[in-house]
N, C-alpha and C. Protein backbone atom coordinates (compact mmCIF):
# COMPACT_ATOMS: atom_id res chain seq x y z
N MET A 1 88.33 51.04 43.57
CA MET A 1 88.66 50.54 44.89
C MET A 1 88.30 49.05 44.97
N PRO A 2 89.21 48.23 45.47
CA PRO A 2 88.92 46.80 45.54
C PRO A 2 87.80 46.48 46.52
N PHE A 3 87.15 45.37 46.28
CA PHE A 3 86.08 44.91 47.17
C PHE A 3 86.64 44.58 48.54
N PHE A 4 87.81 43.97 48.57
CA PHE A 4 88.43 43.55 49.83
C PHE A 4 89.92 43.84 49.74
N GLU A 5 90.48 44.40 50.79
CA GLU A 5 91.90 44.75 50.77
C GLU A 5 92.67 44.02 51.87
N TRP A 6 93.90 43.66 51.54
CA TRP A 6 94.80 43.07 52.52
C TRP A 6 95.18 44.15 53.53
N SER A 7 95.28 43.78 54.78
CA SER A 7 95.78 44.69 55.81
C SER A 7 96.64 43.89 56.78
N ASP A 8 97.42 44.60 57.56
CA ASP A 8 98.29 43.94 58.54
C ASP A 8 97.50 43.15 59.57
N GLU A 9 96.24 43.50 59.76
CA GLU A 9 95.39 42.76 60.70
C GLU A 9 95.16 41.32 60.24
N LEU A 10 95.41 41.04 58.97
CA LEU A 10 95.23 39.70 58.43
C LEU A 10 96.51 38.87 58.48
N ASP A 11 97.59 39.48 58.94
CA ASP A 11 98.89 38.81 58.98
C ASP A 11 98.86 37.66 59.99
N THR A 12 99.15 36.45 59.52
CA THR A 12 99.15 35.26 60.38
C THR A 12 100.53 34.96 60.96
N ASN A 13 101.54 35.72 60.58
CA ASN A 13 102.93 35.46 60.96
C ASN A 13 103.50 34.21 60.28
N VAL A 14 102.84 33.76 59.23
CA VAL A 14 103.33 32.63 58.43
C VAL A 14 103.36 33.13 56.99
N ASP A 15 104.55 33.44 56.49
CA ASP A 15 104.68 34.09 55.18
C ASP A 15 103.97 33.35 54.05
N SER A 16 104.13 32.04 53.99
CA SER A 16 103.50 31.29 52.89
C SER A 16 101.98 31.40 52.93
N MET A 17 101.41 31.39 54.13
CA MET A 17 99.95 31.51 54.25
C MET A 17 99.50 32.94 53.95
N ASN A 18 100.29 33.91 54.37
CA ASN A 18 99.96 35.30 54.04
C ASN A 18 99.91 35.50 52.53
N LYS A 19 100.88 34.94 51.83
CA LYS A 19 100.91 35.07 50.37
C LYS A 19 99.68 34.42 49.74
N GLU A 20 99.31 33.25 50.26
CA GLU A 20 98.12 32.59 49.72
C GLU A 20 96.85 33.37 50.06
N HIS A 21 96.78 33.94 51.24
CA HIS A 21 95.62 34.76 51.58
C HIS A 21 95.53 35.98 50.65
N GLN A 22 96.68 36.57 50.34
CA GLN A 22 96.69 37.71 49.42
C GLN A 22 96.23 37.28 48.03
N THR A 23 96.64 36.10 47.59
CA THR A 23 96.18 35.59 46.30
C THR A 23 94.68 35.36 46.32
N LEU A 24 94.15 34.80 47.40
CA LEU A 24 92.70 34.62 47.53
C LEU A 24 91.97 35.95 47.41
N ILE A 25 92.50 36.96 48.08
CA ILE A 25 91.89 38.29 48.03
C ILE A 25 91.93 38.84 46.61
N ASN A 26 93.06 38.69 45.92
CA ASN A 26 93.17 39.16 44.53
C ASN A 26 92.17 38.44 43.62
N LEU A 27 92.04 37.13 43.80
CA LEU A 27 91.09 36.36 42.98
C LEU A 27 89.66 36.76 43.30
N MET A 28 89.39 37.01 44.56
CA MET A 28 88.05 37.45 44.95
C MET A 28 87.74 38.82 44.34
N ASN A 29 88.70 39.72 44.37
CA ASN A 29 88.50 41.05 43.79
C ASN A 29 88.27 40.96 42.28
N LYS A 30 89.01 40.09 41.62
CA LYS A 30 88.83 39.88 40.18
C LYS A 30 87.42 39.38 39.90
N LEU A 31 86.98 38.42 40.68
CA LEU A 31 85.63 37.87 40.52
C LEU A 31 84.58 38.94 40.77
N TYR A 32 84.77 39.73 41.80
CA TYR A 32 83.83 40.81 42.11
C TYR A 32 83.77 41.83 40.97
N ASP A 33 84.93 42.22 40.46
CA ASP A 33 84.97 43.20 39.36
C ASP A 33 84.25 42.67 38.12
N LEU A 34 84.50 41.42 37.77
CA LEU A 34 83.82 40.84 36.60
C LEU A 34 82.32 40.77 36.83
N ASN A 35 81.93 40.37 38.01
CA ASN A 35 80.51 40.23 38.33
C ASN A 35 79.80 41.59 38.33
N SER A 36 80.55 42.64 38.66
CA SER A 36 79.98 43.99 38.72
C SER A 36 79.96 44.68 37.37
N SER A 37 80.61 44.08 36.40
CA SER A 37 80.69 44.67 35.06
C SER A 37 79.69 43.98 34.13
N ASP A 38 79.86 44.24 32.86
CA ASP A 38 79.02 43.60 31.84
C ASP A 38 79.66 42.31 31.33
N ALA A 39 80.53 41.73 32.11
CA ALA A 39 81.22 40.50 31.68
C ALA A 39 80.22 39.38 31.43
N PRO A 40 80.45 38.59 30.40
CA PRO A 40 79.55 37.46 30.14
C PRO A 40 79.69 36.39 31.24
N LYS A 41 78.65 35.60 31.34
CA LYS A 41 78.60 34.57 32.37
C LYS A 41 79.80 33.63 32.31
N ASP A 42 80.25 33.28 31.11
CA ASP A 42 81.37 32.33 31.02
C ASP A 42 82.66 32.91 31.59
N GLU A 43 82.86 34.23 31.49
CA GLU A 43 84.04 34.86 32.09
C GLU A 43 83.95 34.83 33.61
N ILE A 44 82.75 35.11 34.11
CA ILE A 44 82.53 35.08 35.55
C ILE A 44 82.75 33.66 36.07
N LYS A 45 82.22 32.69 35.33
CA LYS A 45 82.37 31.28 35.72
C LYS A 45 83.85 30.90 35.75
N LYS A 46 84.61 31.33 34.76
CA LYS A 46 86.04 31.02 34.71
C LYS A 46 86.76 31.61 35.93
N ALA A 47 86.43 32.84 36.29
CA ALA A 47 87.04 33.47 37.46
C ALA A 47 86.61 32.77 38.74
N PHE A 48 85.35 32.34 38.78
CA PHE A 48 84.86 31.60 39.95
C PHE A 48 85.61 30.28 40.08
N ASP A 49 85.77 29.58 38.97
CA ASP A 49 86.50 28.30 38.99
C ASP A 49 87.94 28.49 39.47
N GLU A 50 88.56 29.56 39.02
CA GLU A 50 89.93 29.86 39.44
C GLU A 50 89.98 30.13 40.95
N PHE A 51 89.02 30.92 41.43
CA PHE A 51 88.94 31.21 42.86
C PHE A 51 88.70 29.92 43.66
N ALA A 52 87.74 29.11 43.22
CA ALA A 52 87.41 27.87 43.93
C ALA A 52 88.59 26.90 43.94
N SER A 53 89.26 26.76 42.82
CA SER A 53 90.42 25.86 42.74
C SER A 53 91.54 26.30 43.67
N PHE A 54 91.79 27.61 43.69
CA PHE A 54 92.85 28.10 44.56
C PHE A 54 92.45 27.96 46.03
N THR A 55 91.18 28.13 46.33
CA THR A 55 90.71 27.96 47.70
C THR A 55 90.96 26.53 48.17
N ILE A 56 90.67 25.56 47.33
CA ILE A 56 90.92 24.16 47.66
C ILE A 56 92.41 23.92 47.90
N LYS A 57 93.24 24.47 47.00
CA LYS A 57 94.70 24.34 47.15
C LYS A 57 95.15 24.98 48.46
N HIS A 58 94.64 26.16 48.73
CA HIS A 58 95.04 26.87 49.95
C HIS A 58 94.66 26.08 51.19
N PHE A 59 93.45 25.56 51.23
CA PHE A 59 93.03 24.79 52.40
C PHE A 59 93.94 23.57 52.60
N LYS A 60 94.30 22.92 51.51
CA LYS A 60 95.20 21.76 51.59
C LYS A 60 96.56 22.20 52.13
N ASP A 61 97.11 23.28 51.58
CA ASP A 61 98.40 23.79 52.02
C ASP A 61 98.36 24.19 53.50
N GLU A 62 97.29 24.84 53.88
CA GLU A 62 97.15 25.30 55.26
C GLU A 62 97.07 24.11 56.22
N GLU A 63 96.30 23.11 55.84
CA GLU A 63 96.17 21.92 56.68
C GLU A 63 97.50 21.17 56.78
N GLU A 64 98.25 21.11 55.68
CA GLU A 64 99.58 20.48 55.72
C GLU A 64 100.52 21.26 56.63
N TYR A 65 100.45 22.59 56.57
CA TYR A 65 101.28 23.41 57.45
C TYR A 65 100.91 23.14 58.91
N MET A 66 99.62 23.13 59.20
CA MET A 66 99.19 22.89 60.58
C MET A 66 99.64 21.51 61.07
N ALA A 67 99.57 20.52 60.20
CA ALA A 67 100.04 19.17 60.57
C ALA A 67 101.54 19.19 60.86
N SER A 68 102.29 19.96 60.08
CA SER A 68 103.75 20.00 60.24
C SER A 68 104.18 20.61 61.57
N ILE A 69 103.32 21.45 62.15
CA ILE A 69 103.65 22.05 63.45
C ILE A 69 102.87 21.38 64.58
N ASN A 70 102.20 20.27 64.25
CA ASN A 70 101.39 19.54 65.24
C ASN A 70 100.36 20.45 65.91
N TYR A 71 99.69 21.23 65.08
CA TYR A 71 98.69 22.18 65.58
C TYR A 71 97.52 21.42 66.19
N GLU A 72 97.22 21.73 67.42
CA GLU A 72 96.22 20.96 68.18
C GLU A 72 94.79 21.13 67.69
N LYS A 73 94.51 22.18 66.94
CA LYS A 73 93.14 22.41 66.46
C LYS A 73 92.98 22.06 64.98
N LEU A 74 93.86 21.23 64.46
CA LEU A 74 93.83 20.88 63.04
C LEU A 74 92.49 20.28 62.63
N GLU A 75 91.98 19.33 63.37
CA GLU A 75 90.73 18.66 62.98
C GLU A 75 89.56 19.63 62.98
N VAL A 76 89.51 20.52 63.93
CA VAL A 76 88.46 21.54 63.97
C VAL A 76 88.59 22.44 62.75
N HIS A 77 89.81 22.82 62.43
CA HIS A 77 90.07 23.69 61.29
C HIS A 77 89.66 23.01 59.98
N LYS A 78 89.95 21.71 59.86
CA LYS A 78 89.54 20.96 58.66
C LYS A 78 88.03 20.98 58.50
N LYS A 79 87.30 20.83 59.59
CA LYS A 79 85.83 20.84 59.54
C LYS A 79 85.33 22.22 59.08
N ILE A 80 85.94 23.26 59.55
CA ILE A 80 85.58 24.62 59.13
C ILE A 80 85.82 24.77 57.63
N HIS A 81 86.95 24.27 57.15
CA HIS A 81 87.24 24.32 55.72
C HIS A 81 86.19 23.55 54.92
N GLU A 82 85.82 22.37 55.38
CA GLU A 82 84.78 21.59 54.70
C GLU A 82 83.48 22.37 54.59
N ASP A 83 83.08 23.00 55.69
CA ASP A 83 81.84 23.77 55.70
C ASP A 83 81.91 24.96 54.75
N LEU A 84 83.06 25.64 54.72
CA LEU A 84 83.23 26.77 53.81
C LEU A 84 83.16 26.32 52.36
N LEU A 85 83.80 25.20 52.04
CA LEU A 85 83.76 24.69 50.67
C LEU A 85 82.36 24.28 50.26
N LYS A 86 81.59 23.72 51.17
CA LYS A 86 80.19 23.37 50.86
C LYS A 86 79.40 24.62 50.50
N LYS A 87 79.61 25.68 51.25
CA LYS A 87 78.90 26.93 50.99
C LYS A 87 79.31 27.52 49.64
N VAL A 88 80.59 27.51 49.34
CA VAL A 88 81.08 28.01 48.05
C VAL A 88 80.47 27.18 46.92
N THR A 89 80.41 25.87 47.10
CA THR A 89 79.83 24.98 46.09
C THR A 89 78.35 25.28 45.87
N GLU A 90 77.62 25.57 46.94
CA GLU A 90 76.20 25.94 46.81
C GLU A 90 76.04 27.20 45.97
N PHE A 91 76.83 28.22 46.26
CA PHE A 91 76.75 29.45 45.48
C PHE A 91 77.09 29.18 44.02
N LYS A 92 78.10 28.37 43.80
CA LYS A 92 78.51 28.05 42.42
C LYS A 92 77.40 27.32 41.68
N THR A 93 76.78 26.36 42.31
CA THR A 93 75.69 25.61 41.69
C THR A 93 74.53 26.52 41.34
N ASN A 94 74.14 27.38 42.27
CA ASN A 94 73.05 28.33 42.01
C ASN A 94 73.38 29.23 40.83
N PHE A 95 74.60 29.70 40.79
CA PHE A 95 75.03 30.57 39.70
C PHE A 95 74.99 29.84 38.37
N GLU A 96 75.53 28.65 38.32
CA GLU A 96 75.60 27.90 37.06
C GLU A 96 74.22 27.49 36.56
N GLN A 97 73.30 27.23 37.46
CA GLN A 97 72.00 26.73 37.05
C GLN A 97 71.01 27.81 36.64
N SER A 98 71.16 29.00 37.20
CA SER A 98 70.06 29.93 36.95
C SER A 98 70.40 31.40 36.79
N GLN A 99 71.59 31.79 37.11
CA GLN A 99 71.86 33.22 37.15
C GLN A 99 72.95 33.62 36.17
N ASN A 100 72.87 34.89 35.77
CA ASN A 100 73.94 35.45 34.93
C ASN A 100 75.01 36.14 35.77
N LYS A 101 74.65 36.44 37.00
CA LYS A 101 75.57 37.10 37.93
C LYS A 101 75.52 36.35 39.26
N LEU A 102 76.60 36.46 40.01
CA LEU A 102 76.61 35.90 41.35
C LEU A 102 75.79 36.80 42.27
N GLU A 103 75.15 36.18 43.23
CA GLU A 103 74.34 36.93 44.19
C GLU A 103 75.24 37.82 45.05
N ASN A 104 74.71 38.98 45.46
CA ASN A 104 75.46 39.85 46.37
C ASN A 104 75.77 39.13 47.67
N SER A 105 74.88 38.22 48.06
CA SER A 105 75.10 37.48 49.31
C SER A 105 76.38 36.65 49.25
N PHE A 106 76.79 36.25 48.05
CA PHE A 106 78.04 35.50 47.91
C PHE A 106 79.22 36.36 48.35
N PHE A 107 79.25 37.61 47.91
CA PHE A 107 80.36 38.48 48.25
C PHE A 107 80.31 38.89 49.71
N SER A 108 79.11 39.03 50.26
CA SER A 108 78.99 39.28 51.70
C SER A 108 79.56 38.10 52.48
N PHE A 109 79.21 36.89 52.03
CA PHE A 109 79.73 35.68 52.66
C PHE A 109 81.26 35.66 52.60
N LEU A 110 81.84 35.97 51.44
CA LEU A 110 83.30 35.96 51.29
C LEU A 110 83.96 36.98 52.21
N SER A 111 83.38 38.16 52.29
CA SER A 111 83.94 39.20 53.13
C SER A 111 83.94 38.79 54.60
N VAL A 112 82.81 38.26 55.06
CA VAL A 112 82.73 37.80 56.45
C VAL A 112 83.70 36.65 56.68
N TRP A 113 83.74 35.72 55.72
CA TRP A 113 84.63 34.57 55.83
C TRP A 113 86.08 35.03 55.97
N LEU A 114 86.54 35.88 55.06
CA LEU A 114 87.93 36.31 55.10
C LEU A 114 88.24 37.08 56.38
N ASN A 115 87.34 37.97 56.74
CA ASN A 115 87.57 38.75 57.97
C ASN A 115 87.60 37.87 59.20
N SER A 116 86.57 37.06 59.38
CA SER A 116 86.49 36.28 60.61
C SER A 116 87.44 35.09 60.60
N HIS A 117 87.56 34.43 59.47
CA HIS A 117 88.38 33.22 59.42
C HIS A 117 89.87 33.55 59.55
N ILE A 118 90.34 34.49 58.77
CA ILE A 118 91.77 34.81 58.83
C ILE A 118 92.11 35.51 60.14
N ARG A 119 91.34 36.56 60.48
CA ARG A 119 91.64 37.32 61.70
C ARG A 119 91.45 36.51 62.96
N GLY A 120 90.43 35.66 62.96
CA GLY A 120 90.11 34.94 64.18
C GLY A 120 90.71 33.57 64.27
N ILE A 121 90.58 32.78 63.22
CA ILE A 121 90.95 31.37 63.28
C ILE A 121 92.37 31.13 62.77
N ASP A 122 92.69 31.68 61.61
CA ASP A 122 94.02 31.42 61.04
C ASP A 122 95.14 32.05 61.87
N LYS A 123 94.87 33.18 62.48
CA LYS A 123 95.91 33.82 63.29
C LYS A 123 96.31 32.94 64.47
N GLN A 124 95.42 32.04 64.87
CA GLN A 124 95.72 31.17 66.01
C GLN A 124 96.89 30.24 65.70
N TYR A 125 96.94 29.69 64.47
CA TYR A 125 98.06 28.79 64.17
C TYR A 125 99.34 29.58 63.99
N GLY A 126 99.23 30.84 63.60
CA GLY A 126 100.42 31.68 63.47
C GLY A 126 101.07 31.97 64.82
N ALA A 127 100.26 31.93 65.86
CA ALA A 127 100.78 32.19 67.21
C ALA A 127 101.19 30.90 67.92
N PHE A 128 100.95 29.76 67.27
CA PHE A 128 101.20 28.46 67.89
C PHE A 128 102.68 28.15 67.97
């Protein structure tokens, strides 16, 4: 069973963003599976890098979409993205410096982020 599953509750009514959210979920599940297995640290790091890179791409794409529709909360949304990326970077640094596995708190953070951010914040631009 995947760590996190896509559901219709996550639908933003913007197909391109839905597809990217689904990709984020797939990358997160891959990272979770590797971290939960006997995978070596370098494999986990590679999956983390892939997840982090796609997250950056997604945030850029999402911000460009919001700009294209003159979304009034774009600047607030950008700040939220910055804060999320800082947190992801902190987890990554801790992992690279001292651990063989990612902390469980990282996956809790991701789950809360995806649930609250997509359901609460991203759905707002879909209704705009």
